[in-house]
Amino acid sequence: MFWLILLGVLGGIISLYTLLIAGVAWFSVRPPRMPQFVTPGLMGERHDTVSIPTSDGHTLRAWWVPTEGDTTVIFAHGYFTNRCEFVPFVSRFRRRGASCLFFDHRAHGTSTGTKCTFGLDEATDVRAVVKWVKERRPDDRIVLVGNSMGGVACAVSCAGSPLPVDALVLDSPYARVGEAAKGWWTFFARGRFKRFLRPASIFGRVFTGADLKQVDLPKALSRIRNIPVLLLFASQDPLVPRESALECISAAGPLGEAVWFDHSNHARARFNEHEKYADAVFQFLESRGFVRADPPDLVAPRIITTPTVQTP
């Protein structure tokens, strides 16, 4: 009787743990929609809200900020966020003559879709957005700027059939989904319960219904060596071990450049080391003629005069 009770208790614990892990995986594949916290309008920039169809039936929501320049920068956000992520940079790009497009990946923001595939299907989103821009600005050069999952999606999209993209800026892109999943709990849960939560990645692969092993950043980079690539890595990133980052840098070939941020975690360099981050991005783009140098302020200095007091 004792052993039957013990086996029953152990079976119950294992069942509850399995359900917990499955639940965590389910919500990881179907992330909650984060609210919008900033728009180009709040940054003082006029913009249009547009809808972009994908080849597999989804609708992506986006903000379009056009300028008279001949470069368009498309921003692909990371997992768990939305198109607001890079909006604080909109004025700096516009002053340099670049149009900007900020879009929500499928299953994020206000775009359609329920499942996230961590860069695989999201590459289809990138291709749809590039197509949308090219139909309206056929002579524009296209720069893709992606963070984490968005960066991986940008690289994977360019590694397939030819895509009219002229440069890539990839912030904290992980080499492979499995490796990133192991580090995710260190980053997200600050290391608490990470050993208990790591098996969730097994269920995640089941719930996506996709072969996530196809998400291989070094392999993708090795196929797009004709495009200049800027890779931005943080030294304290648990999702991207240094060895994997070096593998990606090597795969990018002679047109690849890398900048390391020694005081930042995953995708945090633009907050923790803002000036270094901005300098790295704009120097990379300026040196290749995609954007012009930031013009100096033309505001005339305010002259304060003191009224003359006449004595009688």
C-alpha atoms as a PDB file:
ATOM      1  CA  MET A   1       0.000   0.000   0.000  1.00  0.00           C
ATOM      2  CA  PHE A   2       2.825   2.401   0.927  1.00  0.00           C
ATOM      3  CA  TRP A   3       4.543   1.911  -2.402  1.00  0.00           C
ATOM      4  CA  LEU A   4       1.308   2.424  -4.293  1.00  0.00           C
ATOM      5  CA  ILE A   5       0.727   5.708  -2.462  1.00  0.00           C
ATOM      6  CA  LEU A   6       4.322   6.777  -3.104  1.00  0.00           C
ATOM      7  CA  LEU A   7       4.050   5.938  -6.794  1.00  0.00           C
ATOM      8  CA  GLY A   8       0.767   7.837  -6.959  1.00  0.00           C
ATOM      9  CA  VAL A   9       2.325  10.916  -5.357  1.00  0.00           C
ATOM     10  CA  LEU A  10       5.355  10.763  -7.655  1.00  0.00           C
ATOM     11  CA  GLY A  11       3.106  10.309 -10.670  1.00  0.00           C
ATOM     12  CA  GLY A  12       1.052  13.313  -9.629  1.00  0.00           C
ATOM     13  CA  ILE A  13       4.166  15.459  -9.194  1.00  0.00           C
ATOM     14  CA  ILE A  14       5.510  14.417 -12.594  1.00  0.00           C
ATOM     15  CA  SER A  15       2.139  15.100 -14.228  1.00  0.00           C
ATOM     16  CA  LEU A  16       1.867  18.548 -12.644  1.00  0.00           C
ATOM     17  CA  TYR A  17       5.446  19.377 -13.664  1.00  0.00           C
ATOM     18  CA  THR A  18       4.770  18.238 -17.229  1.00  0.00           C
ATOM     19  CA  LEU A  19       1.617  20.360 -17.379  1.00  0.00           C
ATOM     20  CA  LEU A  20       3.527  23.340 -15.993  1.00  0.00           C
ATOM     21  CA  ILE A  21       6.285  23.010 -18.568  1.00  0.00           C
ATOM     22  CA  ALA A  22       3.763  22.517 -21.367  1.00  0.00           C
ATOM     23  CA  GLY A  23       1.898  25.619 -20.226  1.00  0.00           C
ATOM     24  CA  VAL A  24       5.068  27.693 -20.155  1.00  0.00           C
ATOM     25  CA  ALA A  25       5.930  26.488 -23.669  1.00  0.00           C
ATOM     26  CA  TRP A  26       2.415  27.245 -24.911  1.00  0.00           C
ATOM     27  CA  PHE A  27       2.578  30.854 -23.748  1.00  0.00           C
ATOM     28  CA  SER A  28       6.149  31.196 -25.037  1.00  0.00           C
ATOM     29  CA  VAL A  29       5.009  30.266 -28.545  1.00  0.00           C
ATOM     30  CA  ARG A  30       1.959  32.518 -28.147  1.00  0.00           C
ATOM     31  CA  PRO A  31       3.446  35.545 -26.375  1.00  0.00           C
ATOM     32  CA  PRO A  32       1.128  38.136 -24.832  1.00  0.00           C
ATOM     33  CA  ARG A  33       0.677  41.296 -26.891  1.00  0.00           C
ATOM     34  CA  MET A  34       2.715  44.111 -25.405  1.00  0.00           C
ATOM     35  CA  PRO A  35       1.001  47.525 -25.524  1.00  0.00           C
ATOM     36  CA  GLN A  36       2.346  50.306 -27.711  1.00  0.00           C
ATOM     37  CA  PHE A  37       4.314  52.791 -25.631  1.00  0.00           C
ATOM     38  CA  VAL A  38       5.576  55.292 -28.229  1.00  0.00           C
ATOM     39  CA  THR A  39       4.771  56.303 -31.806  1.00  0.00           C
ATOM     40  CA  PRO A  40       6.644  58.380 -34.398  1.00  0.00           C
ATOM     41  CA  GLY A  41       4.032  61.066 -33.734  1.00  0.00           C
ATOM     42  CA  LEU A  42       5.073  61.268 -30.079  1.00  0.00           C
ATOM     43  CA  MET A  43       8.631  61.797 -31.340  1.00  0.00           C
ATOM     44  CA  GLY A  44       7.416  64.724 -33.440  1.00  0.00           C
ATOM     45  CA  GLU A  45       7.435  62.839 -36.754  1.00  0.00           C
ATOM     46  CA  ARG A  46       4.515  62.591 -39.169  1.00  0.00           C
ATOM     47  CA  HIS A  47       3.698  59.022 -40.139  1.00  0.00           C
ATOM     48  CA  ASP A  48       1.169  56.800 -41.864  1.00  0.00           C
ATOM     49  CA  THR A  49      -0.310  53.651 -40.336  1.00  0.00           C
ATOM     50  CA  VAL A  50      -0.308  50.900 -42.957  1.00  0.00           C
ATOM     51  CA  SER A  51      -1.210  47.224 -43.341  1.00  0.00           C
ATOM     52  CA  ILE A  52       1.110  44.858 -45.217  1.00  0.00           C
ATOM     53  CA  PRO A  53      -0.004  41.397 -46.434  1.00  0.00           C
ATOM     54  CA  THR A  54       2.364  38.439 -46.259  1.00  0.00           C
ATOM     55  CA  SER A  55       2.597  35.595 -48.760  1.00  0.00           C
ATOM     56  CA  ASP A  56       1.078  33.149 -46.255  1.00  0.00           C
ATOM     57  CA  GLY A  57      -2.026  35.133 -45.413  1.00  0.00           C
ATOM     58  CA  HIS A  58      -1.079  37.326 -42.456  1.00  0.00           C
ATOM     59  CA  THR A  59      -1.458  41.080 -42.131  1.00  0.00           C
ATOM     60  CA  LEU A  60       1.351  43.112 -40.602  1.00  0.00           C
ATOM     61  CA  ARG A  61       0.664  46.504 -39.035  1.00  0.00           C
ATOM     62  CA  ALA A  62       3.292  49.178 -39.507  1.00  0.00           C
ATOM     63  CA  TRP A  63       4.217  52.847 -39.257  1.00  0.00           C
ATOM     64  CA  TRP A  64       5.678  54.466 -42.366  1.00  0.00           C
ATOM     65  CA  VAL A  65       7.799  57.617 -42.062  1.00  0.00           C
ATOM     66  CA  PRO A  66       8.878  58.695 -45.570  1.00  0.00           C
ATOM     67  CA  THR A  67      11.541  61.261 -46.436  1.00  0.00           C
ATOM     68  CA  GLU A  68      13.005  62.601 -49.678  1.00  0.00           C
ATOM     69  CA  GLY A  69      16.188  60.520 -49.354  1.00  0.00           C
ATOM     70  CA  ASP A  70      16.966  57.361 -51.308  1.00  0.00           C
ATOM     71  CA  THR A  71      17.388  54.959 -48.366  1.00  0.00           C
ATOM     72  CA  THR A  72      14.671  53.163 -46.414  1.00  0.00           C
ATOM     73  CA  VAL A  73      15.468  51.553 -43.074  1.00  0.00           C
ATOM     74  CA  ILE A  74      13.178  48.709 -42.018  1.00  0.00           C
ATOM     75  CA  PHE A  75      13.151  47.873 -38.310  1.00  0.00           C
ATOM     76  CA  ALA A  76      12.383  44.319 -37.145  1.00  0.00           C
ATOM     77  CA  HIS A  77      11.717  44.044 -33.413  1.00  0.00           C
ATOM     78  CA  GLY A  78      12.593  41.216 -31.059  1.00  0.00           C
ATOM     79  CA  TYR A  79      10.533  38.538 -29.332  1.00  0.00           C
ATOM     80  CA  PHE A  80       7.939  39.714 -26.812  1.00  0.00           C
ATOM     81  CA  THR A  81       7.977  43.346 -28.017  1.00  0.00           C
ATOM     82  CA  ASN A  82       6.485  45.269 -30.948  1.00  0.00           C
ATOM     83  CA  ARG A  83       7.136  47.986 -33.543  1.00  0.00           C
ATOM     84  CA  CYS A  84       7.717  50.594 -30.822  1.00  0.00           C
ATOM     85  CA  GLU A  85      11.124  49.120 -30.041  1.00  0.00           C
ATOM     86  CA  PHE A  86      13.224  51.262 -32.405  1.00  0.00           C
ATOM     87  CA  VAL A  87      10.889  54.274 -32.708  1.00  0.00           C
ATOM     88  CA  PRO A  88      13.070  56.472 -30.441  1.00  0.00           C
ATOM     89  CA  PHE A  89      15.639  56.443 -33.271  1.00  0.00           C
ATOM     90  CA  VAL A  90      13.213  57.766 -35.894  1.00  0.00           C
ATOM     91  CA  SER A  91      14.283  61.421 -35.787  1.00  0.00           C
ATOM     92  CA  ARG A  92      17.970  60.582 -35.973  1.00  0.00           C
ATOM     93  CA  PHE A  93      17.406  58.526 -39.107  1.00  0.00           C
ATOM     94  CA  ARG A  94      15.065  61.058 -40.697  1.00  0.00           C
ATOM     95  CA  ARG A  95      17.576  63.892 -40.210  1.00  0.00           C
ATOM     96  CA  ARG A  96      20.080  61.748 -42.069  1.00  0.00           C
ATOM     97  CA  GLY A  97      17.736  61.399 -45.031  1.00  0.00           C
ATOM     98  CA  ALA A  98      16.411  57.879 -44.396  1.00  0.00           C
ATOM     99  CA  SER A  99      12.777  56.844 -44.564  1.00  0.00           C
ATOM    100  CA  CYS A 100      11.723  54.465 -41.775  1.00  0.00           C
ATOM    101  CA  LEU A 101       9.295  51.572 -41.536  1.00  0.00           C
ATOM    102  CA  PHE A 102       8.444  50.045 -38.158  1.00  0.00           C
ATOM    103  CA  PHE A 103       6.314  46.892 -38.278  1.00  0.00           C
ATOM    104  CA  ASP A 104       4.874  44.293 -35.926  1.00  0.00           C
ATOM    105  CA  HIS A 105       5.904  40.702 -36.581  1.00  0.00           C
ATOM    106  CA  ARG A 106       3.123  38.121 -36.741  1.00  0.00           C
ATOM    107  CA  ALA A 107       1.700  37.215 -33.320  1.00  0.00           C
ATOM    108  CA  HIS A 108       3.092  40.495 -31.942  1.00  0.00           C
ATOM    109  CA  GLY A 109       1.713  43.983 -31.544  1.00  0.00           C
ATOM    110  CA  THR A 110      -1.427  44.406 -33.639  1.00  0.00           C
ATOM    111  CA  SER A 111      -0.445  42.111 -36.516  1.00  0.00           C
ATOM    112  CA  THR A 112      -2.417  38.938 -37.138  1.00  0.00           C
ATOM    113  CA  GLY A 113      -1.220  35.464 -36.184  1.00  0.00           C
ATOM    114  CA  THR A 114      -1.036  33.459 -32.992  1.00  0.00           C
ATOM    115  CA  LYS A 115       2.259  31.536 -33.179  1.00  0.00           C
ATOM    116  CA  CYS A 116       5.828  32.738 -32.944  1.00  0.00           C
ATOM    117  CA  THR A 117       8.556  30.656 -34.634  1.00  0.00           C
ATOM    118  CA  PHE A 118      11.529  32.707 -33.395  1.00  0.00           C
ATOM    119  CA  GLY A 119      12.802  33.822 -36.790  1.00  0.00           C
ATOM    120  CA  LEU A 120      11.643  31.119 -39.198  1.00  0.00           C
ATOM    121  CA  ASP A 121       8.190  32.310 -40.310  1.00  0.00           C
ATOM    122  CA  GLU A 122       9.160  35.829 -39.259  1.00  0.00           C
ATOM    123  CA  ALA A 123      11.563  35.844 -42.213  1.00  0.00           C
ATOM    124  CA  THR A 124       8.432  35.768 -44.393  1.00  0.00           C
ATOM    125  CA  ASP A 125       7.311  38.943 -42.612  1.00  0.00           C
ATOM    126  CA  VAL A 126      10.569  40.652 -43.518  1.00  0.00           C
ATOM    127  CA  ARG A 127      10.250  39.652 -47.155  1.00  0.00           C
ATOM    128  CA  ALA A 128       6.697  41.040 -47.249  1.00  0.00           C
ATOM    129  CA  VAL A 129       7.783  44.373 -45.807  1.00  0.00           C
ATOM    130  CA  VAL A 130      10.710  44.690 -48.223  1.00  0.00           C
ATOM    131  CA  LYS A 131       8.330  43.956 -51.118  1.00  0.00           C
ATOM    132  CA  TRP A 132       5.907  46.623 -49.865  1.00  0.00           C
ATOM    133  CA  VAL A 133       8.636  49.258 -49.724  1.00  0.00           C
ATOM    134  CA  LYS A 134      10.077  48.366 -53.120  1.00  0.00           C
ATOM    135  CA  GLU A 135       6.665  48.647 -54.764  1.00  0.00           C
ATOM    136  CA  ARG A 136       6.432  52.233 -53.502  1.00  0.00           C
ATOM    137  CA  ARG A 137      10.083  53.274 -53.549  1.00  0.00           C
ATOM    138  CA  PRO A 138      11.679  51.091 -56.271  1.00  0.00           C
ATOM    139  CA  ASP A 139      14.896  53.114 -56.378  1.00  0.00           C
ATOM    140  CA  ASP A 140      15.483  53.162 -52.628  1.00  0.00           C
ATOM    141  CA  ARG A 141      18.304  51.238 -51.046  1.00  0.00           C
ATOM    142  CA  ILE A 142      17.048  48.986 -48.266  1.00  0.00           C
ATOM    143  CA  VAL A 143      18.706  48.611 -44.853  1.00  0.00           C
ATOM    144  CA  LEU A 144      17.352  46.022 -42.421  1.00  0.00           C
ATOM    145  CA  VAL A 145      17.842  46.694 -38.712  1.00  0.00           C
ATOM    146  CA  GLY A 146      16.796  43.804 -36.489  1.00  0.00           C
ATOM    147  CA  ASN A 147      16.951  43.073 -32.790  1.00  0.00           C
ATOM    148  CA  SER A 148      17.330  39.507 -31.446  1.00  0.00           C
ATOM    149  CA  MET A 149      14.567  37.490 -33.155  1.00  0.00           C
ATOM    150  CA  GLY A 150      14.063  40.308 -35.642  1.00  0.00           C
ATOM    151  CA  GLY A 151      17.741  40.258 -36.520  1.00  0.00           C
ATOM    152  CA  VAL A 152      17.649  36.508 -37.078  1.00  0.00           C
ATOM    153  CA  ALA A 153      14.550  36.898 -39.271  1.00  0.00           C
ATOM    154  CA  CYS A 154      16.337  39.553 -41.350  1.00  0.00           C
ATOM    155  CA  ALA A 155      19.337  37.297 -41.964  1.00  0.00           C
ATOM    156  CA  VAL A 156      17.219  34.220 -42.737  1.00  0.00           C
ATOM    157  CA  SER A 157      15.111  36.228 -45.193  1.00  0.00           C
ATOM    158  CA  CYS A 158      18.217  37.353 -47.085  1.00  0.00           C
ATOM    159  CA  ALA A 159      19.689  33.845 -47.155  1.00  0.00           C
ATOM    160  CA  GLY A 160      16.836  32.448 -49.236  1.00  0.00           C
ATOM    161  CA  SER A 161      15.903  33.557 -52.727  1.00  0.00           C
ATOM    162  CA  PRO A 162      17.358  36.936 -53.795  1.00  0.00           C
ATOM    163  CA  LEU A 163      16.040  39.881 -51.782  1.00  0.00           C
ATOM    164  CA  PRO A 164      16.756  43.535 -52.693  1.00  0.00           C
ATOM    165  CA  VAL A 165      18.492  44.397 -49.437  1.00  0.00           C
ATOM    166  CA  ASP A 166      21.664  46.477 -49.342  1.00  0.00           C
ATOM    167  CA  ALA A 167      22.821  46.220 -45.705  1.00  0.00           C
ATOM    168  CA  LEU A 168      22.052  44.478 -42.424  1.00  0.00           C
ATOM    169  CA  VAL A 169      22.389  45.726 -38.851  1.00  0.00           C
ATOM    170  CA  LEU A 170      21.798  42.847 -36.420  1.00  0.00           C
ATOM    171  CA  ASP A 171      21.560  43.551 -32.692  1.00  0.00           C
ATOM    172  CA  SER A 172      22.029  40.522 -30.405  1.00  0.00           C
ATOM    173  CA  PRO A 173      21.008  37.871 -32.950  1.00  0.00           C
ATOM    174  CA  TYR A 174      21.162  34.357 -31.519  1.00  0.00           C
ATOM    175  CA  ALA A 175      22.903  31.643 -33.483  1.00  0.00           C
ATOM    176  CA  ARG A 176      20.282  28.928 -32.933  1.00  0.00           C
ATOM    177  CA  VAL A 177      16.894  28.740 -31.227  1.00  0.00           C
ATOM    178  CA  GLY A 178      17.798  25.869 -28.904  1.00  0.00           C
ATOM    179  CA  GLU A 179      20.840  27.679 -27.568  1.00  0.00           C
ATOM    180  CA  ALA A 180      18.869  30.894 -27.113  1.00  0.00           C
ATOM    181  CA  ALA A 181      16.106  29.026 -25.264  1.00  0.00           C
ATOM    182  CA  LYS A 182      18.613  27.745 -22.720  1.00  0.00           C
ATOM    183  CA  GLY A 183      19.774  31.266 -21.995  1.00  0.00           C
ATOM    184  CA  TRP A 184      16.309  32.825 -22.149  1.00  0.00           C
ATOM    185  CA  TRP A 185      15.388  31.821 -18.620  1.00  0.00           C
ATOM    186  CA  THR A 186      18.641  33.254 -17.300  1.00  0.00           C
ATOM    187  CA  PHE A 187      17.780  36.534 -19.024  1.00  0.00           C
ATOM    188  CA  PHE A 188      14.022  36.632 -18.438  1.00  0.00           C
ATOM    189  CA  ALA A 189      13.725  35.019 -14.997  1.00  0.00           C
ATOM    190  CA  ARG A 190      17.137  36.306 -13.871  1.00  0.00           C
ATOM    191  CA  GLY A 191      18.324  32.739 -13.452  1.00  0.00           C
ATOM    192  CA  ARG A 192      15.576  31.681 -11.056  1.00  0.00           C
ATOM    193  CA  PHE A 193      14.066  28.260 -11.785  1.00  0.00           C
ATOM    194  CA  LYS A 194      15.989  28.096 -15.077  1.00  0.00           C
ATOM    195  CA  ARG A 195      16.888  24.426 -14.587  1.00  0.00           C
ATOM    196  CA  PHE A 196      13.237  23.564 -14.091  1.00  0.00           C
ATOM    197  CA  LEU A 197      12.004  25.656 -17.023  1.00  0.00           C
ATOM    198  CA  ARG A 198      14.549  24.696 -19.685  1.00  0.00           C
ATOM    199  CA  PRO A 199      12.654  21.543 -20.776  1.00  0.00           C
ATOM    200  CA  ALA A 200       9.893  23.868 -21.999  1.00  0.00           C
ATOM    201  CA  SER A 201      11.841  24.272 -25.235  1.00  0.00           C
ATOM    202  CA  ILE A 202      11.000  20.645 -26.106  1.00  0.00           C
ATOM    203  CA  PHE A 203       7.277  21.411 -26.019  1.00  0.00           C
ATOM    204  CA  GLY A 204       7.911  24.690 -27.805  1.00  0.00           C
ATOM    205  CA  ARG A 205       9.124  22.856 -30.883  1.00  0.00           C
ATOM    206  CA  VAL A 206       5.960  20.743 -30.792  1.00  0.00           C
ATOM    207  CA  PHE A 207       3.606  23.711 -30.420  1.00  0.00           C
ATOM    208  CA  THR A 208       5.182  25.740 -33.239  1.00  0.00           C
ATOM    209  CA  GLY A 209       4.755  22.873 -35.697  1.00  0.00           C
ATOM    210  CA  ALA A 210       7.978  24.045 -37.356  1.00  0.00           C
ATOM    211  CA  ASP A 211      11.487  22.682 -37.655  1.00  0.00           C
ATOM    212  CA  LEU A 212      13.271  25.332 -35.627  1.00  0.00           C
ATOM    213  CA  LYS A 213      16.637  23.759 -36.460  1.00  0.00           C
ATOM    214  CA  GLN A 214      16.298  25.578 -39.776  1.00  0.00           C
ATOM    215  CA  VAL A 215      16.991  28.779 -37.845  1.00  0.00           C
ATOM    216  CA  ASP A 216      20.772  28.731 -38.129  1.00  0.00           C
ATOM    217  CA  LEU A 217      22.292  32.212 -38.182  1.00  0.00           C
ATOM    218  CA  PRO A 218      25.879  31.249 -39.106  1.00  0.00           C
ATOM    219  CA  LYS A 219      24.598  29.255 -42.067  1.00  0.00           C
ATOM    220  CA  ALA A 220      22.371  32.153 -43.141  1.00  0.00           C
ATOM    221  CA  LEU A 221      25.201  34.687 -42.878  1.00  0.00           C
ATOM    222  CA  SER A 222      27.498  32.483 -44.933  1.00  0.00           C
ATOM    223  CA  ARG A 223      24.984  32.707 -47.795  1.00  0.00           C
ATOM    224  CA  ILE A 224      24.741  36.510 -47.907  1.00  0.00           C
ATOM    225  CA  ARG A 225      28.387  37.546 -48.073  1.00  0.00           C
ATOM    226  CA  ASN A 226      27.679  40.126 -50.768  1.00  0.00           C
ATOM    227  CA  ILE A 227      25.775  42.284 -48.260  1.00  0.00           C
ATOM    228  CA  PRO A 228      27.610  44.378 -45.616  1.00  0.00           C
ATOM    229  CA  VAL A 229      26.590  43.252 -42.145  1.00  0.00           C
ATOM    230  CA  LEU A 230      27.060  44.956 -38.788  1.00  0.00           C
ATOM    231  CA  LEU A 231      26.785  42.580 -35.824  1.00  0.00           C
ATOM    232  CA  LEU A 232      26.238  44.052 -32.362  1.00  0.00           C
ATOM    233  CA  PHE A 233      26.971  41.699 -29.468  1.00  0.00           C
ATOM    234  CA  ALA A 234      26.917  42.122 -25.686  1.00  0.00           C
ATOM    235  CA  SER A 235      29.618  40.472 -23.622  1.00  0.00           C
ATOM    236  CA  GLN A 236      27.142  39.505 -20.874  1.00  0.00           C
ATOM    237  CA  ASP A 237      24.499  37.997 -23.160  1.00  0.00           C
ATOM    238  CA  PRO A 238      23.244  34.585 -21.893  1.00  0.00           C
ATOM    239  CA  LEU A 239      21.382  33.934 -25.159  1.00  0.00           C
ATOM    240  CA  VAL A 240      24.453  34.391 -27.343  1.00  0.00           C
ATOM    241  CA  PRO A 241      27.605  32.807 -25.867  1.00  0.00           C
ATOM    242  CA  ARG A 242      30.836  34.389 -27.040  1.00  0.00           C
ATOM    243  CA  GLU A 243      31.761  31.291 -29.024  1.00  0.00           C
ATOM    244  CA  SER A 244      28.510  31.493 -30.986  1.00  0.00           C
ATOM    245  CA  ALA A 245      28.966  35.213 -31.590  1.00  0.00           C
ATOM    246  CA  LEU A 246      32.451  34.598 -32.968  1.00  0.00           C
ATOM    247  CA  GLU A 247      31.033  31.860 -35.202  1.00  0.00           C
ATOM    248  CA  CYS A 248      28.524  34.364 -36.609  1.00  0.00           C
ATOM    249  CA  ILE A 249      31.209  36.997 -37.142  1.00  0.00           C
ATOM    250  CA  SER A 250      33.345  34.512 -39.050  1.00  0.00           C
ATOM    251  CA  ALA A 251      30.382  33.424 -41.176  1.00  0.00           C
ATOM    252  CA  ALA A 252      29.620  37.018 -42.155  1.00  0.00           C
ATOM    253  CA  GLY A 253      32.810  37.060 -44.189  1.00  0.00           C
ATOM    254  CA  PRO A 254      34.872  40.047 -45.360  1.00  0.00           C
ATOM    255  CA  LEU A 255      31.873  42.408 -45.463  1.00  0.00           C
ATOM    256  CA  GLY A 256      30.973  41.680 -41.861  1.00  0.00           C
ATOM    257  CA  GLU A 257      31.827  43.963 -38.949  1.00  0.00           C
ATOM    258  CA  ALA A 258      31.279  43.461 -35.250  1.00  0.00           C
ATOM    259  CA  VAL A 259      31.053  45.756 -32.238  1.00  0.00           C
ATOM    260  CA  TRP A 260      31.127  44.439 -28.687  1.00  0.00           C
ATOM    261  CA  PHE A 261      29.429  46.066 -25.698  1.00  0.00           C
ATOM    262  CA  ASP A 262      31.135  45.101 -22.469  1.00  0.00           C
ATOM    263  CA  HIS A 263      28.586  46.524 -20.042  1.00  0.00           C
ATOM    264  CA  SER A 264      25.358  45.176 -21.471  1.00  0.00           C
ATOM    265  CA  ASN A 265      23.088  42.138 -21.445  1.00  0.00           C
ATOM    266  CA  HIS A 266      20.945  40.768 -24.261  1.00  0.00           C
ATOM    267  CA  ALA A 267      19.607  43.605 -26.462  1.00  0.00           C
ATOM    268  CA  ARG A 268      20.375  46.182 -23.792  1.00  0.00           C
ATOM    269  CA  ALA A 269      23.295  48.021 -25.396  1.00  0.00           C
ATOM    270  CA  ARG A 270      21.089  50.717 -26.910  1.00  0.00           C
ATOM    271  CA  PHE A 271      20.016  51.580 -23.360  1.00  0.00           C
ATOM    272  CA  ASN A 272      23.148  50.929 -21.322  1.00  0.00           C
ATOM    273  CA  GLU A 273      25.704  52.202 -23.844  1.00  0.00           C
ATOM    274  CA  HIS A 274      23.541  54.448 -25.951  1.00  0.00           C
ATOM    275  CA  GLU A 275      26.151  56.736 -27.513  1.00  0.00           C
ATOM    276  CA  LYS A 276      28.502  53.897 -28.403  1.00  0.00           C
ATOM    277  CA  TYR A 277      25.565  52.004 -29.887  1.00  0.00           C
ATOM    278  CA  ALA A 278      24.379  54.947 -31.987  1.00  0.00           C
ATOM    279  CA  ASP A 279      27.929  55.753 -33.128  1.00  0.00           C
ATOM    280  CA  ALA A 280      28.467  52.156 -34.251  1.00  0.00           C
ATOM    281  CA  VAL A 281      25.238  52.043 -36.270  1.00  0.00           C
ATOM    282  CA  PHE A 282      25.533  55.441 -37.920  1.00  0.00           C
ATOM    283  CA  GLN A 283      29.248  55.187 -38.680  1.00  0.00           C
ATOM    284  CA  PHE A 284      28.584  51.852 -40.386  1.00  0.00           C
ATOM    285  CA  LEU A 285      25.806  53.349 -42.493  1.00  0.00           C
ATOM    286  CA  GLU A 286      27.501  56.684 -43.165  1.00  0.00           C
ATOM    287  CA  SER A 287      30.727  55.054 -44.325  1.00  0.00           C
ATOM    288  CA  ARG A 288      28.761  53.213 -47.008  1.00  0.00           C
ATOM    289  CA  GLY A 289      26.687  56.185 -48.070  1.00  0.00           C
ATOM    290  CA  PHE A 290      23.325  54.891 -46.858  1.00  0.00           C
ATOM    291  CA  VAL A 291      22.746  57.910 -44.625  1.00  0.00           C
ATOM    292  CA  ARG A 292      24.332  61.331 -44.448  1.00  0.00           C
ATOM    293  CA  ALA A 293      26.027  62.823 -41.437  1.00  0.00           C
ATOM    294  CA  ASP A 294      23.686  64.301 -38.870  1.00  0.00           C
ATOM    295  CA  PRO A 295      23.350  68.005 -39.769  1.00  0.00           C
ATOM    296  CA  PRO A 296      24.209  70.522 -37.071  1.00  0.00           C
ATOM    297  CA  ASP A 297      21.420  72.392 -35.361  1.00  0.00           C
ATOM    298  CA  LEU A 298      20.438  75.451 -37.354  1.00  0.00           C
ATOM    299  CA  VAL A 299      18.578  77.126 -34.548  1.00  0.00           C
ATOM    300  CA  ALA A 300      19.844  80.664 -34.108  1.00  0.00           C
ATOM    301  CA  PRO A 301      21.095  81.468 -30.633  1.00  0.00           C
ATOM    302  CA  ARG A 302      18.680  83.383 -28.515  1.00  0.00           C
ATOM    303  CA  ILE A 303      19.885  86.927 -27.816  1.00  0.00           C
ATOM    304  CA  ILE A 304      18.771  88.400 -24.578  1.00  0.00           C
ATOM    305  CA  THR A 305      18.918  92.165 -24.352  1.00  0.00           C
ATOM    306  CA  THR A 306      18.746  94.272 -21.271  1.00  0.00           C
ATOM    307  CA  PRO A 307      16.542  97.346 -21.625  1.00  0.00           C
ATOM    308  CA  THR A 308      18.345 100.629 -21.310  1.00  0.00           C
ATOM    309  CA  VAL A 309      17.324 102.641 -18.307  1.00  0.00           C
ATOM    310  CA  GLN A 310      17.533 106.355 -18.859  1.00  0.00           C
ATOM    311  CA  THR A 311      18.015 108.624 -15.919  1.00  0.00           C
ATOM    312  CA  PRO A 312      16.167 111.874 -15.849  1.00  0.00           C
END
